[in-house]
N, C-alpha and C. Protein backbone atom coordinates (compact mmCIF):
# COMPACT_ATOMS: atom_id res chain seq x y z
N UNK A 1 -17.80 -10.80 -28.18
CA UNK A 1 -16.73 -10.80 -27.74
C UNK A 1 -16.79 -11.70 -26.58
N UNK A 2 -17.68 -11.47 -25.63
CA UNK A 2 -17.03 -12.52 -24.92
C UNK A 2 -17.34 -14.00 -25.33
N UNK A 3 -18.71 -14.11 -25.89
CA UNK A 3 -18.38 -15.59 -26.48
C UNK A 3 -17.26 -16.14 -27.49
N UNK A 4 -16.76 -14.80 -28.00
CA UNK A 4 -15.88 -15.56 -28.68
C UNK A 4 -14.62 -15.91 -27.56
N UNK A 5 -14.31 -14.77 -27.05
CA UNK A 5 -13.50 -15.24 -25.87
C UNK A 5 -13.55 -16.81 -25.05
N UNK A 6 -14.63 -17.09 -24.61
CA UNK A 6 -14.77 -18.48 -24.19
C UNK A 6 -14.70 -19.68 -25.22
N UNK A 7 -14.98 -19.07 -26.40
CA UNK A 7 -14.64 -19.98 -27.36
C UNK A 7 -13.29 -20.59 -27.66
N UNK A 8 -12.58 -19.17 -27.37
CA UNK A 8 -10.90 -19.52 -27.81
C UNK A 8 -10.29 -20.58 -26.52
N UNK A 9 -10.95 -19.60 -25.18
CA UNK A 9 -10.78 -19.95 -23.84
C UNK A 9 -10.71 -21.94 -23.82
N UNK A 10 -11.82 -22.22 -24.66
CA UNK A 10 -11.98 -23.68 -24.13
C UNK A 10 -11.04 -24.59 -25.66
N UNK A 11 -10.65 -23.70 -26.53
CA UNK A 11 -9.85 -24.44 -27.60
C UNK A 11 -8.51 -24.51 -26.85
N UNK A 12 -8.27 -23.94 -26.06
CA UNK A 12 -6.62 -23.87 -25.46
C UNK A 12 -6.65 -22.67 -24.60
N UNK A 13 -5.90 -23.29 -23.50
CA UNK A 13 -5.92 -22.55 -21.98
C UNK A 13 -5.10 -21.33 -23.00
N UNK A 14 -5.31 -19.75 -22.43
CA UNK A 14 -4.98 -18.66 -22.44
C UNK A 14 -5.33 -18.08 -23.74
N UNK A 15 -5.70 -18.63 -24.67
CA UNK A 15 -6.09 -18.29 -25.77
C UNK A 15 -7.34 -17.42 -25.43
N UNK A 16 -8.54 -17.47 -25.06
CA UNK A 16 -9.57 -16.19 -24.86
C UNK A 16 -8.64 -14.88 -24.22
N UNK A 17 -8.00 -15.29 -23.39
CA UNK A 17 -6.98 -14.10 -22.81
C UNK A 17 -6.81 -13.26 -23.86
N UNK A 18 -5.36 -14.35 -25.16
CA UNK A 18 -4.64 -13.53 -25.78
C UNK A 18 -5.72 -12.48 -26.82
N UNK A 19 -6.95 -13.41 -27.31
CA UNK A 19 -7.77 -12.66 -27.70
C UNK A 19 -8.70 -11.11 -28.03
N UNK A 20 -8.38 -11.54 -26.14
CA UNK A 20 -9.25 -10.55 -25.71
C UNK A 20 -8.22 -9.03 -25.25
N UNK A 21 -6.67 -9.46 -25.43
CA UNK A 21 -5.40 -8.68 -25.69
C UNK A 21 -5.30 -7.97 -26.88
N UNK A 22 -5.90 -8.56 -28.36
CA UNK A 22 -5.38 -8.71 -29.93
C UNK A 22 -6.73 -7.41 -29.78
N UNK A 23 -7.79 -7.72 -28.93
CA UNK A 23 -9.22 -6.61 -28.83
C UNK A 23 -8.71 -5.56 -28.66
N UNK A 24 -8.01 -5.45 -27.36
CA UNK A 24 -7.60 -4.18 -26.64
C UNK A 24 -6.47 -3.34 -27.60
N UNK A 25 -5.39 -4.25 -28.36
CA UNK A 25 -4.65 -3.62 -28.94
C UNK A 25 -5.44 -3.09 -30.00
N UNK A 26 -6.52 -3.42 -30.96
CA UNK A 26 -6.91 -2.59 -31.52
C UNK A 26 -7.89 -1.49 -31.13
N UNK A 27 -8.08 -1.47 -30.36
CA UNK A 27 -8.99 -0.33 -29.49
C UNK A 27 -7.81 0.37 -29.26
N UNK A 28 -7.07 0.44 -28.58
CA UNK A 28 -5.70 1.27 -28.65
C UNK A 28 -4.93 2.06 -29.85
N UNK A 29 -4.89 1.25 -30.58
CA UNK A 29 -4.67 1.61 -32.28
C UNK A 29 -5.82 2.55 -32.97
N UNK A 30 -6.97 2.38 -32.46
CA UNK A 30 -7.78 3.34 -33.14
C UNK A 30 -8.16 4.59 -32.53
N UNK A 31 -7.71 4.90 -31.13
CA UNK A 31 -7.64 5.81 -30.10
C UNK A 31 -6.60 6.54 -30.11
N UNK A 32 -4.98 6.10 -31.25
CA UNK A 32 -3.74 7.08 -31.16
C UNK A 32 -4.27 7.30 -32.49
N UNK A 33 -4.71 6.41 -33.90
CA UNK A 33 -4.94 6.80 -35.02
C UNK A 33 -6.41 6.65 -35.40
N UNK A 34 -7.07 7.31 -35.20
CA UNK A 34 -8.92 7.44 -35.71
C UNK A 34 -9.05 7.29 -36.94
N UNK A 35 -8.74 7.48 -37.76
CA UNK A 35 -8.78 7.57 -39.27
C UNK A 35 -7.72 6.31 -40.35
N UNK A 36 -7.36 5.68 -39.17
CA UNK A 36 -6.71 4.43 -39.47
C UNK A 36 -7.44 3.02 -40.24
N UNK A 37 -8.53 2.63 -39.91
CA UNK A 37 -9.78 1.80 -40.26
C UNK A 37 -10.14 2.07 -41.66
N UNK A 38 -10.21 1.30 -42.12
CA UNK A 38 -10.75 1.38 -43.97
C UNK A 38 -12.96 1.97 -43.81
N UNK A 39 -13.00 2.85 -44.61
CA UNK A 39 -14.36 3.05 -44.18
C UNK A 39 -15.44 1.85 -44.42
N UNK A 40 -16.14 1.32 -44.13
CA UNK A 40 -17.29 0.38 -44.03
C UNK A 40 -18.67 0.69 -44.55
N UNK A 41 -19.27 1.65 -44.14
CA UNK A 41 -20.26 2.37 -44.24
C UNK A 41 -20.74 3.44 -43.07
N UNK A 42 -21.60 4.17 -43.98
CA UNK A 42 -22.11 5.42 -42.84
C UNK A 42 -21.51 6.22 -42.32
N UNK A 43 -19.85 6.56 -42.34
CA UNK A 43 -19.40 6.99 -41.48
C UNK A 43 -18.28 5.72 -40.78
N UNK A 44 -18.71 4.85 -40.90
CA UNK A 44 -18.10 3.56 -40.15
C UNK A 44 -17.31 3.53 -40.71
N UNK A 45 -15.74 2.80 -39.43
CA UNK A 45 -14.83 2.10 -40.24
C UNK A 45 -14.22 1.04 -39.91
N UNK A 46 -13.31 -0.06 -40.03
CA UNK A 46 -12.84 -0.94 -39.65
C UNK A 46 -11.61 -1.17 -39.40
N UNK A 47 -11.12 -1.61 -38.63
CA UNK A 47 -9.61 -2.08 -38.19
C UNK A 47 -9.31 -3.81 -38.07
N UNK A 48 -8.83 -4.58 -38.72
CA UNK A 48 -8.50 -6.02 -38.58
C UNK A 48 -7.53 -5.89 -36.95
N UNK A 49 -8.68 -7.34 -36.29
CA UNK A 49 -7.98 -8.16 -35.03
C UNK A 49 -6.49 -8.62 -35.70
N UNK A 50 -5.20 -8.45 -34.94
CA UNK A 50 -4.24 -8.96 -35.31
C UNK A 50 -4.09 -10.45 -35.67
N UNK A 51 -4.49 -11.45 -34.75
CA UNK A 51 -4.43 -12.54 -34.85
C UNK A 51 -5.28 -13.61 -35.12
N UNK A 52 -6.99 -12.80 -35.33
CA UNK A 52 -7.95 -13.71 -35.14
C UNK A 52 -8.92 -13.12 -36.20
N UNK A 53 -9.66 -14.00 -36.61
CA UNK A 53 -10.92 -13.32 -37.59
C UNK A 53 -11.83 -12.52 -37.19
N UNK A 54 -11.58 -11.45 -36.79
CA UNK A 54 -12.09 -10.25 -36.35
C UNK A 54 -11.94 -9.12 -36.97
N UNK A 55 -13.13 -8.06 -37.07
CA UNK A 55 -13.44 -6.49 -37.01
C UNK A 55 -13.48 -5.78 -36.21
N UNK A 56 -13.10 -4.91 -35.69
CA UNK A 56 -13.72 -3.65 -34.60
C UNK A 56 -14.38 -2.85 -35.96
N UNK A 57 -15.69 -2.93 -35.42
CA UNK A 57 -16.39 -1.68 -36.28
C UNK A 57 -16.62 -0.38 -35.04
N UNK A 58 -16.50 0.93 -35.70
CA UNK A 58 -16.56 2.04 -35.10
C UNK A 58 -16.75 3.13 -35.43
N UNK A 59 -16.77 4.67 -35.40
CA UNK A 59 -17.10 5.50 -35.31
C UNK A 59 -16.01 6.36 -34.75
N UNK A 60 -15.85 7.72 -35.83
CA UNK A 60 -14.89 8.74 -35.18
C UNK A 60 -16.13 9.94 -34.99
N UNK A 61 -16.10 10.26 -33.40
CA UNK A 61 -17.26 10.88 -33.39
C UNK A 61 -16.22 12.60 -32.58
N UNK A 62 -16.79 13.44 -32.63
CA UNK A 62 -16.19 14.55 -31.89
C UNK A 62 -15.48 14.66 -30.40
N UNK A 63 -14.19 13.78 -30.18
CA UNK A 63 -13.57 14.06 -28.71
C UNK A 63 -13.59 12.47 -28.32
N UNK A 64 -14.53 11.69 -29.29
CA UNK A 64 -14.64 10.12 -28.95
C UNK A 64 -14.37 9.02 -29.58
N UNK A 65 -14.11 7.52 -29.25
CA UNK A 65 -14.54 6.57 -30.33
C UNK A 65 -15.74 5.79 -29.76
N UNK A 66 -16.94 5.21 -30.78
CA UNK A 66 -17.93 5.08 -30.64
C UNK A 66 -17.58 3.45 -31.27
N UNK A 67 -17.80 2.25 -30.62
CA UNK A 67 -17.21 0.43 -30.87
C UNK A 67 -18.48 0.28 -31.20
N UNK A 68 -19.00 -0.60 -32.59
CA UNK A 68 -20.29 -0.82 -32.42
C UNK A 68 -20.26 -2.36 -32.74
N UNK A 69 -19.18 -2.82 -32.95
CA UNK A 69 -19.22 -3.95 -33.02
C UNK A 69 -17.66 -4.86 -33.15
N UNK A 70 -17.62 -6.08 -32.43
CA UNK A 70 -16.40 -6.56 -32.38
C UNK A 70 -16.97 -7.91 -33.27
N UNK A 71 -16.84 -7.94 -34.60
CA UNK A 71 -17.01 -8.90 -35.86
C UNK A 71 -16.84 -9.81 -36.16
N UNK A 72 -17.15 -11.04 -36.74
CA UNK A 72 -16.04 -11.82 -37.03
C UNK A 72 -16.49 -11.85 -38.57
N UNK A 73 -15.39 -12.00 -39.18
CA UNK A 73 -15.05 -11.16 -40.82
C UNK A 73 -15.92 -12.24 -41.66
N UNK A 74 -16.10 -13.59 -40.82
CA UNK A 74 -17.03 -14.44 -42.07
C UNK A 74 -17.88 -14.57 -41.86
N UNK A 75 -18.55 -15.06 -40.40
CA UNK A 75 -19.97 -15.27 -39.70
C UNK A 75 -20.94 -14.00 -40.12
N UNK A 76 -21.83 -14.32 -40.34
CA UNK A 76 -23.14 -13.32 -40.63
C UNK A 76 -22.68 -11.80 -40.67
N UNK A 77 -22.10 -11.62 -42.18
CA UNK A 77 -21.64 -10.16 -42.35
C UNK A 77 -22.53 -9.36 -42.24
N UNK A 78 -22.32 -8.15 -41.68
CA UNK A 78 -22.52 -7.08 -42.05
C UNK A 78 -24.33 -6.82 -40.68
N UNK A 79 -23.91 -7.77 -39.69
CA UNK A 79 -25.09 -8.18 -38.68
C UNK A 79 -24.90 -6.73 -37.76
N UNK A 80 -23.81 -6.09 -37.68
CA UNK A 80 -23.43 -4.99 -37.00
C UNK A 80 -24.27 -3.29 -37.64
N UNK A 81 -25.32 -3.62 -38.87
CA UNK A 81 -25.39 -2.83 -39.64
C UNK A 81 -26.88 -2.26 -38.99
N UNK A 82 -27.58 -3.00 -38.25
CA UNK A 82 -28.71 -2.85 -37.66
C UNK A 82 -28.65 -2.40 -36.25
N UNK A 83 -27.31 -2.03 -35.86
CA UNK A 83 -26.78 -1.12 -34.75
C UNK A 83 -26.42 0.23 -34.55
N UNK A 84 -27.11 0.64 -36.26
CA UNK A 84 -26.53 1.84 -36.88
C UNK A 84 -27.63 3.29 -36.51
């Protein structure tokens, strides 16, 4: 996530900040509606980030949300499965 934010910031001023804002928006959305994300594997879900080609991969646990990855939708698909 940090590398992606730096990449976007180098591409255009404040774009990295916009990326992080969109990640935070995805997290806030998941906190409000945990079941919103599409199931992807082994009880994990995915919600898309608004303006960027990234997904937030997370699990719904009792009383909290566990974010496993902020994953690019086309690069290294499924890399996060090793974190399960």
